[in-house]
Amino acid sequence: MASGKFEENAIAFFTHRMTNQSFNNGYALLISVDADLPVTLKDARAIVNILVDSDRADYLPEKLTLESAL
């Protein structure tokens, strides 16, 4: 799946699920399994951007962790 399409789908999912809600008490751990597919790191970063966007999920950046082999 192309990263752009993945990001569009992720935005639609999180926007639908989190509309008008704040999630400042939440934590998130994203793990990018990117040894064979480096584009997965780009996808994981796109999800982080969605999660911290105040118009979407509104996570606090310090409560997000992105792990990657790269």
C-alpha atoms as a PDB file:
ATOM      1  CA  MET A   1       0.000   0.000   0.000  1.00  0.00           C
ATOM      2  CA  ALA A   2       1.407   3.395  -0.903  1.00  0.00           C
ATOM      3  CA  SER A   3       2.205   5.581   2.069  1.00  0.00           C
ATOM      4  CA  GLY A   4      -0.048   8.406   0.858  1.00  0.00           C
ATOM      5  CA  LYS A   5      -3.079   6.112   0.668  1.00  0.00           C
ATOM      6  CA  PHE A   6      -2.242   4.624   4.059  1.00  0.00           C
ATOM      7  CA  GLU A   7      -2.087   8.091   5.606  1.00  0.00           C
ATOM      8  CA  GLU A   8      -5.446   9.020   4.047  1.00  0.00           C
ATOM      9  CA  ASN A   9      -7.033   5.869   5.485  1.00  0.00           C
ATOM     10  CA  ALA A  10      -5.461   6.442   8.909  1.00  0.00           C
ATOM     11  CA  ILE A  11      -6.645  10.065   8.939  1.00  0.00           C
ATOM     12  CA  ALA A  12     -10.175   8.986   8.065  1.00  0.00           C
ATOM     13  CA  PHE A  13     -10.145   6.323  10.807  1.00  0.00           C
ATOM     14  CA  PHE A  14      -8.829   8.560  13.577  1.00  0.00           C
ATOM     15  CA  THR A  15     -10.930  11.548  12.545  1.00  0.00           C
ATOM     16  CA  HIS A  16     -14.056   9.401  12.624  1.00  0.00           C
ATOM     17  CA  ARG A  17     -13.171   7.818  15.968  1.00  0.00           C
ATOM     18  CA  MET A  18     -11.864  10.869  17.820  1.00  0.00           C
ATOM     19  CA  THR A  19     -13.957  13.802  16.559  1.00  0.00           C
ATOM     20  CA  ASN A  20     -14.480  16.362  19.325  1.00  0.00           C
ATOM     21  CA  GLN A  21     -12.593  14.279  21.855  1.00  0.00           C
ATOM     22  CA  SER A  22      -9.309  14.941  23.580  1.00  0.00           C
ATOM     23  CA  PHE A  23      -7.063  12.065  24.543  1.00  0.00           C
ATOM     24  CA  ASN A  24      -4.504  13.796  26.766  1.00  0.00           C
ATOM     25  CA  ASN A  25      -4.481  10.933  29.281  1.00  0.00           C
ATOM     26  CA  GLY A  26      -3.687   8.307  26.646  1.00  0.00           C
ATOM     27  CA  TYR A  27      -0.376   6.703  25.781  1.00  0.00           C
ATOM     28  CA  ALA A  28       0.635   5.164  22.471  1.00  0.00           C
ATOM     29  CA  LEU A  29       3.453   2.864  21.424  1.00  0.00           C
ATOM     30  CA  LEU A  30       4.028   2.526  17.687  1.00  0.00           C
ATOM     31  CA  ILE A  31       6.462  -0.098  16.445  1.00  0.00           C
ATOM     32  CA  SER A  32       7.747   0.125  12.903  1.00  0.00           C
ATOM     33  CA  VAL A  33       8.808  -3.292  11.608  1.00  0.00           C
ATOM     34  CA  ASP A  34      10.913  -1.866   8.842  1.00  0.00           C
ATOM     35  CA  ALA A  35      13.789  -4.232   8.153  1.00  0.00           C
ATOM     36  CA  ASP A  36      12.351  -5.306   4.783  1.00  0.00           C
ATOM     37  CA  LEU A  37       9.872  -2.464   4.240  1.00  0.00           C
ATOM     38  CA  PRO A  38      11.447   0.941   5.037  1.00  0.00           C
ATOM     39  CA  VAL A  39       8.217   2.683   4.019  1.00  0.00           C
ATOM     40  CA  THR A  40       6.646   1.398   7.248  1.00  0.00           C
ATOM     41  CA  LEU A  41       8.701   3.933   9.226  1.00  0.00           C
ATOM     42  CA  LYS A  42       7.222   6.703   7.099  1.00  0.00           C
ATOM     43  CA  ASP A  43       3.749   5.278   7.764  1.00  0.00           C
ATOM     44  CA  ALA A  44       4.402   5.089  11.513  1.00  0.00           C
ATOM     45  CA  ARG A  45       5.545   8.719  11.529  1.00  0.00           C
ATOM     46  CA  ALA A  46       2.355   9.682   9.680  1.00  0.00           C
ATOM     47  CA  ILE A  47       0.317   7.963  12.403  1.00  0.00           C
ATOM     48  CA  VAL A  48       2.260   9.854  15.091  1.00  0.00           C
ATOM     49  CA  ASN A  49       1.407  13.117  13.312  1.00  0.00           C
ATOM     50  CA  ILE A  50      -2.260  12.146  13.270  1.00  0.00           C
ATOM     51  CA  LEU A  51      -2.241  11.210  16.953  1.00  0.00           C
ATOM     52  CA  VAL A  52      -0.720  14.521  18.087  1.00  0.00           C
ATOM     53  CA  ASP A  53      -2.934  16.644  15.818  1.00  0.00           C
ATOM     54  CA  SER A  54      -5.313  18.601  18.063  1.00  0.00           C
ATOM     55  CA  ASP A  55      -8.050  18.338  15.436  1.00  0.00           C
ATOM     56  CA  ARG A  56      -7.832  14.557  15.442  1.00  0.00           C
ATOM     57  CA  ALA A  57      -6.703  12.477  18.426  1.00  0.00           C
ATOM     58  CA  ASP A  58      -4.890  15.162  20.481  1.00  0.00           C
ATOM     59  CA  TYR A  59      -2.362  12.921  22.229  1.00  0.00           C
ATOM     60  CA  LEU A  60       0.405  14.725  24.079  1.00  0.00           C
ATOM     61  CA  PRO A  61       3.679  14.202  22.139  1.00  0.00           C
ATOM     62  CA  GLU A  62       5.538  13.174  25.285  1.00  0.00           C
ATOM     63  CA  LYS A  63       3.080  10.275  25.723  1.00  0.00           C
ATOM     64  CA  LEU A  64       3.915   8.752  22.327  1.00  0.00           C
ATOM     65  CA  THR A  65       6.778   6.382  21.641  1.00  0.00           C
ATOM     66  CA  LEU A  66       7.878   5.326  18.166  1.00  0.00           C
ATOM     67  CA  GLU A  67      10.254   2.372  18.054  1.00  0.00           C
ATOM     68  CA  SER A  68      12.127   1.470  14.885  1.00  0.00           C
ATOM     69  CA  ALA A  69      15.104  -0.625  13.846  1.00  0.00           C
ATOM     70  CA  LEU A  70      16.347   2.171  11.593  1.00  0.00           C
END
